[in-house]
Amino acid sequence: MRNGLSLAMIGVLKKMTETYPDFERLSLMDTKSIIVASTDESTLGRDFSTRNYFQNASESSSGMAHAATAVRELSQTAQTLKSLLDRLRA
């Protein structure tokens, strides 16, 4: 679960909570509602599909479109960070 990409995503999420202190924690779910990155590591790998907010977003095409855009942007950022980390380690 904790590969280089997920670690990079966790780093991005932690930076976001530092930048926006109103967010207590941030998590990233896949399309099956499994937490793949989070500032709260105890939630990694957990399934949130039974939660109302996930079900409501899944039923709303605008909610899913917004989520898909956010995931794509975060994934691109995480991949960039991973590449930079790999170069620094080399």
N, C-alpha and C. Protein backbone atom coordinates (compact mmCIF):
# COMPACT_ATOMS: atom_id res chain seq x y z
N MET A 1 0.81 -1.20 0.00
CA MET A 1 0.00 0.00 0.00
C MET A 1 0.85 1.26 0.00
N ARG A 2 1.99 1.21 0.70
CA ARG A 2 2.81 2.41 0.80
C ARG A 2 3.98 2.33 -0.17
N ASN A 3 3.69 2.51 -1.45
CA ASN A 3 4.75 2.56 -2.43
C ASN A 3 5.23 4.00 -2.59
N GLY A 4 6.17 4.22 -3.48
CA GLY A 4 6.72 5.56 -3.66
C GLY A 4 5.68 6.59 -4.05
N LEU A 5 4.75 6.19 -4.91
CA LEU A 5 3.71 7.12 -5.35
C LEU A 5 2.78 7.49 -4.21
N SER A 6 2.35 6.49 -3.41
CA SER A 6 1.45 6.82 -2.29
C SER A 6 2.17 7.68 -1.25
N LEU A 7 3.47 7.44 -1.05
CA LEU A 7 4.23 8.28 -0.12
C LEU A 7 4.32 9.71 -0.64
N ALA A 8 4.50 9.86 -1.95
CA ALA A 8 4.53 11.20 -2.54
C ALA A 8 3.18 11.89 -2.37
N MET A 9 2.10 11.14 -2.57
CA MET A 9 0.76 11.71 -2.39
C MET A 9 0.54 12.13 -0.94
N ILE A 10 0.98 11.31 -0.01
CA ILE A 10 0.85 11.65 1.41
C ILE A 10 1.61 12.95 1.69
N GLY A 11 2.79 13.09 1.08
CA GLY A 11 3.57 14.32 1.25
C GLY A 11 2.82 15.54 0.74
N VAL A 12 2.15 15.38 -0.41
CA VAL A 12 1.36 16.49 -0.97
C VAL A 12 0.20 16.83 -0.03
N LEU A 13 -0.49 15.80 0.47
CA LEU A 13 -1.62 16.04 1.37
C LEU A 13 -1.16 16.73 2.66
N LYS A 14 -0.02 16.30 3.20
CA LYS A 14 0.50 16.93 4.42
C LYS A 14 0.85 18.39 4.17
N LYS A 15 1.43 18.67 3.01
CA LYS A 15 1.77 20.05 2.65
C LYS A 15 0.49 20.89 2.55
N MET A 16 -0.57 20.29 2.01
CA MET A 16 -1.85 21.01 1.89
C MET A 16 -2.41 21.34 3.27
N THR A 17 -2.28 20.43 4.23
CA THR A 17 -2.79 20.73 5.57
C THR A 17 -1.95 21.81 6.25
N GLU A 18 -0.68 21.90 5.91
CA GLU A 18 0.15 22.99 6.44
C GLU A 18 -0.25 24.32 5.81
N THR A 19 -0.54 24.29 4.52
CA THR A 19 -0.91 25.50 3.79
C THR A 19 -2.31 25.97 4.18
N TYR A 20 -3.21 25.02 4.41
CA TYR A 20 -4.60 25.33 4.76
C TYR A 20 -4.91 24.72 6.12
N PRO A 21 -4.58 25.41 7.20
CA PRO A 21 -4.72 24.83 8.55
C PRO A 21 -6.17 24.53 8.96
N ASP A 22 -7.15 24.99 8.18
CA ASP A 22 -8.54 24.66 8.51
C ASP A 22 -8.82 23.18 8.26
N PHE A 23 -7.99 22.53 7.44
CA PHE A 23 -8.15 21.10 7.19
C PHE A 23 -7.43 20.32 8.27
N GLU A 24 -8.17 19.55 9.01
CA GLU A 24 -7.56 18.73 10.06
C GLU A 24 -6.80 17.56 9.46
N ARG A 25 -7.41 16.93 8.44
CA ARG A 25 -6.76 15.83 7.74
C ARG A 25 -7.33 15.76 6.33
N LEU A 26 -6.54 15.21 5.45
CA LEU A 26 -6.96 15.02 4.07
C LEU A 26 -6.66 13.59 3.66
N SER A 27 -7.57 13.04 2.86
CA SER A 27 -7.40 11.68 2.37
C SER A 27 -7.74 11.63 0.90
N LEU A 28 -7.18 10.66 0.22
CA LEU A 28 -7.46 10.44 -1.18
C LEU A 28 -7.97 9.02 -1.33
N MET A 29 -9.16 8.90 -1.95
CA MET A 29 -9.79 7.59 -2.17
C MET A 29 -9.68 7.22 -3.64
N ASP A 30 -9.64 5.93 -3.90
CA ASP A 30 -9.77 5.48 -5.28
C ASP A 30 -11.25 5.40 -5.63
N THR A 31 -11.56 4.96 -6.82
CA THR A 31 -12.96 4.93 -7.26
C THR A 31 -13.80 3.90 -6.52
N LYS A 32 -13.15 3.01 -5.77
CA LYS A 32 -13.88 2.01 -4.98
C LYS A 32 -14.00 2.43 -3.52
N SER A 33 -13.59 3.68 -3.22
CA SER A 33 -13.66 4.29 -1.90
C SER A 33 -12.64 3.74 -0.91
N ILE A 34 -11.55 3.21 -1.42
CA ILE A 34 -10.45 2.75 -0.57
C ILE A 34 -9.47 3.90 -0.40
N ILE A 35 -9.07 4.19 0.83
CA ILE A 35 -8.12 5.27 1.09
C ILE A 35 -6.74 4.83 0.58
N VAL A 36 -6.19 5.59 -0.38
CA VAL A 36 -4.88 5.25 -0.94
C VAL A 36 -3.78 6.19 -0.45
N ALA A 37 -4.17 7.33 0.09
CA ALA A 37 -3.20 8.27 0.68
C ALA A 37 -3.96 9.12 1.69
N SER A 38 -3.32 9.42 2.81
CA SER A 38 -3.99 10.20 3.85
C SER A 38 -2.97 10.78 4.81
N THR A 39 -3.32 11.91 5.38
CA THR A 39 -2.49 12.47 6.44
C THR A 39 -2.72 11.71 7.75
N ASP A 40 -3.78 10.91 7.80
CA ASP A 40 -4.07 10.04 8.94
C ASP A 40 -3.77 8.61 8.50
N GLU A 41 -2.56 8.15 8.77
CA GLU A 41 -2.13 6.85 8.25
C GLU A 41 -2.96 5.68 8.75
N SER A 42 -3.71 5.87 9.83
CA SER A 42 -4.55 4.78 10.34
C SER A 42 -5.70 4.46 9.38
N THR A 43 -5.98 5.36 8.44
CA THR A 43 -7.08 5.12 7.50
C THR A 43 -6.62 4.48 6.19
N LEU A 44 -5.31 4.35 5.97
CA LEU A 44 -4.80 3.78 4.72
C LEU A 44 -5.36 2.38 4.50
N GLY A 45 -5.91 2.16 3.31
CA GLY A 45 -6.44 0.86 2.95
C GLY A 45 -7.87 0.61 3.41
N ARG A 46 -8.43 1.53 4.18
CA ARG A 46 -9.80 1.32 4.67
C ARG A 46 -10.83 1.64 3.59
N ASP A 47 -11.95 0.95 3.65
CA ASP A 47 -13.05 1.08 2.69
C ASP A 47 -14.11 2.01 3.29
N PHE A 48 -14.40 3.10 2.58
CA PHE A 48 -15.39 4.06 3.05
C PHE A 48 -16.65 4.06 2.17
N SER A 49 -16.88 3.00 1.44
CA SER A 49 -18.00 2.96 0.49
C SER A 49 -19.36 3.03 1.17
N THR A 50 -19.44 2.69 2.44
CA THR A 50 -20.73 2.74 3.13
C THR A 50 -21.03 4.13 3.70
N ARG A 51 -20.08 5.04 3.60
CA ARG A 51 -20.28 6.39 4.14
C ARG A 51 -21.19 7.19 3.21
N ASN A 52 -22.10 7.96 3.81
CA ASN A 52 -23.06 8.75 3.03
C ASN A 52 -22.39 9.70 2.05
N TYR A 53 -21.32 10.39 2.49
CA TYR A 53 -20.70 11.37 1.61
C TYR A 53 -20.11 10.72 0.36
N PHE A 54 -19.61 9.49 0.48
CA PHE A 54 -19.10 8.81 -0.71
C PHE A 54 -20.25 8.39 -1.62
N GLN A 55 -21.30 7.85 -1.03
CA GLN A 55 -22.44 7.42 -1.83
C GLN A 55 -23.09 8.60 -2.54
N ASN A 56 -23.21 9.74 -1.84
CA ASN A 56 -23.80 10.94 -2.46
C ASN A 56 -22.95 11.44 -3.62
N ALA A 57 -21.63 11.48 -3.43
CA ALA A 57 -20.75 11.92 -4.50
C ALA A 57 -20.78 10.95 -5.67
N SER A 58 -20.89 9.67 -5.38
CA SER A 58 -20.93 8.66 -6.44
C SER A 58 -22.19 8.79 -7.28
N GLU A 59 -23.28 9.20 -6.66
CA GLU A 59 -24.55 9.33 -7.36
C GLU A 59 -24.64 10.61 -8.17
N SER A 60 -23.81 11.59 -7.85
CA SER A 60 -23.83 12.88 -8.53
C SER A 60 -22.75 12.92 -9.59
N SER A 61 -23.16 13.12 -10.84
CA SER A 61 -22.15 13.16 -11.90
C SER A 61 -21.20 14.33 -11.70
N SER A 62 -21.69 15.46 -11.20
CA SER A 62 -20.79 16.60 -10.98
C SER A 62 -19.83 16.31 -9.84
N GLY A 63 -20.29 15.60 -8.82
CA GLY A 63 -19.41 15.23 -7.71
C GLY A 63 -18.31 14.31 -8.16
N MET A 64 -18.64 13.33 -8.99
CA MET A 64 -17.63 12.40 -9.48
C MET A 64 -16.69 13.09 -10.46
N ALA A 65 -17.20 14.00 -11.28
CA ALA A 65 -16.33 14.72 -12.22
C ALA A 65 -15.34 15.58 -11.46
N HIS A 66 -15.81 16.25 -10.42
CA HIS A 66 -14.92 17.08 -9.60
C HIS A 66 -13.87 16.21 -8.92
N ALA A 67 -14.31 15.10 -8.38
CA ALA A 67 -13.38 14.19 -7.70
C ALA A 67 -12.36 13.63 -8.68
N ALA A 68 -12.80 13.26 -9.86
CA ALA A 68 -11.88 12.71 -10.86
C ALA A 68 -10.83 13.73 -11.26
N THR A 69 -11.24 14.99 -11.42
CA THR A 69 -10.29 16.05 -11.77
C THR A 69 -9.28 16.25 -10.64
N ALA A 70 -9.77 16.28 -9.41
CA ALA A 70 -8.88 16.47 -8.26
C ALA A 70 -7.89 15.31 -8.14
N VAL A 71 -8.37 14.10 -8.33
CA VAL A 71 -7.50 12.92 -8.25
C VAL A 71 -6.44 12.97 -9.34
N ARG A 72 -6.85 13.30 -10.55
CA ARG A 72 -5.91 13.37 -11.67
C ARG A 72 -4.82 14.41 -11.40
N GLU A 73 -5.22 15.60 -10.91
CA GLU A 73 -4.25 16.66 -10.62
C GLU A 73 -3.33 16.25 -9.49
N LEU A 74 -3.88 15.66 -8.45
CA LEU A 74 -3.05 15.23 -7.32
C LEU A 74 -2.10 14.11 -7.74
N SER A 75 -2.58 13.21 -8.57
CA SER A 75 -1.74 12.13 -9.04
C SER A 75 -0.58 12.66 -9.87
N GLN A 76 -0.85 13.64 -10.74
CA GLN A 76 0.22 14.23 -11.54
C GLN A 76 1.24 14.92 -10.64
N THR A 77 0.77 15.63 -9.62
CA THR A 77 1.68 16.29 -8.69
C THR A 77 2.51 15.27 -7.94
N ALA A 78 1.88 14.20 -7.49
CA ALA A 78 2.60 13.16 -6.75
C ALA A 78 3.64 12.50 -7.64
N GLN A 79 3.32 12.24 -8.90
CA GLN A 79 4.28 11.62 -9.81
C GLN A 79 5.48 12.54 -10.04
N THR A 80 5.22 13.84 -10.14
CA THR A 80 6.30 14.80 -10.29
C THR A 80 7.19 14.80 -9.05
N LEU A 81 6.57 14.79 -7.88
CA LEU A 81 7.35 14.76 -6.65
C LEU A 81 8.16 13.48 -6.53
N LYS A 82 7.56 12.37 -6.90
CA LYS A 82 8.29 11.10 -6.85
C LYS A 82 9.50 11.14 -7.78
N SER A 83 9.33 11.68 -8.97
CA SER A 83 10.46 11.79 -9.91
C SER A 83 11.57 12.64 -9.32
N LEU A 84 11.20 13.75 -8.69
CA LEU A 84 12.19 14.62 -8.06
C LEU A 84 12.90 13.90 -6.92
N LEU A 85 12.15 13.18 -6.10
CA LEU A 85 12.75 12.43 -5.00
C LEU A 85 13.70 11.36 -5.53
N ASP A 86 13.29 10.66 -6.57
CA ASP A 86 14.14 9.63 -7.16
C ASP A 86 15.46 10.22 -7.67
N ARG A 87 15.37 11.40 -8.30
CA ARG A 87 16.58 12.04 -8.80
C ARG A 87 17.49 12.50 -7.66
N LEU A 88 16.88 12.99 -6.58
CA LEU A 88 17.67 13.42 -5.44
C LEU A 88 18.38 12.25 -4.77
N ARG A 89 17.73 11.10 -4.75
CA ARG A 89 18.32 9.92 -4.12
C ARG A 89 19.40 9.28 -4.98
N ALA A 90 19.37 9.54 -6.28
CA ALA A 90 20.34 8.90 -7.22
C ALA A 90 21.73 9.49 -7.08
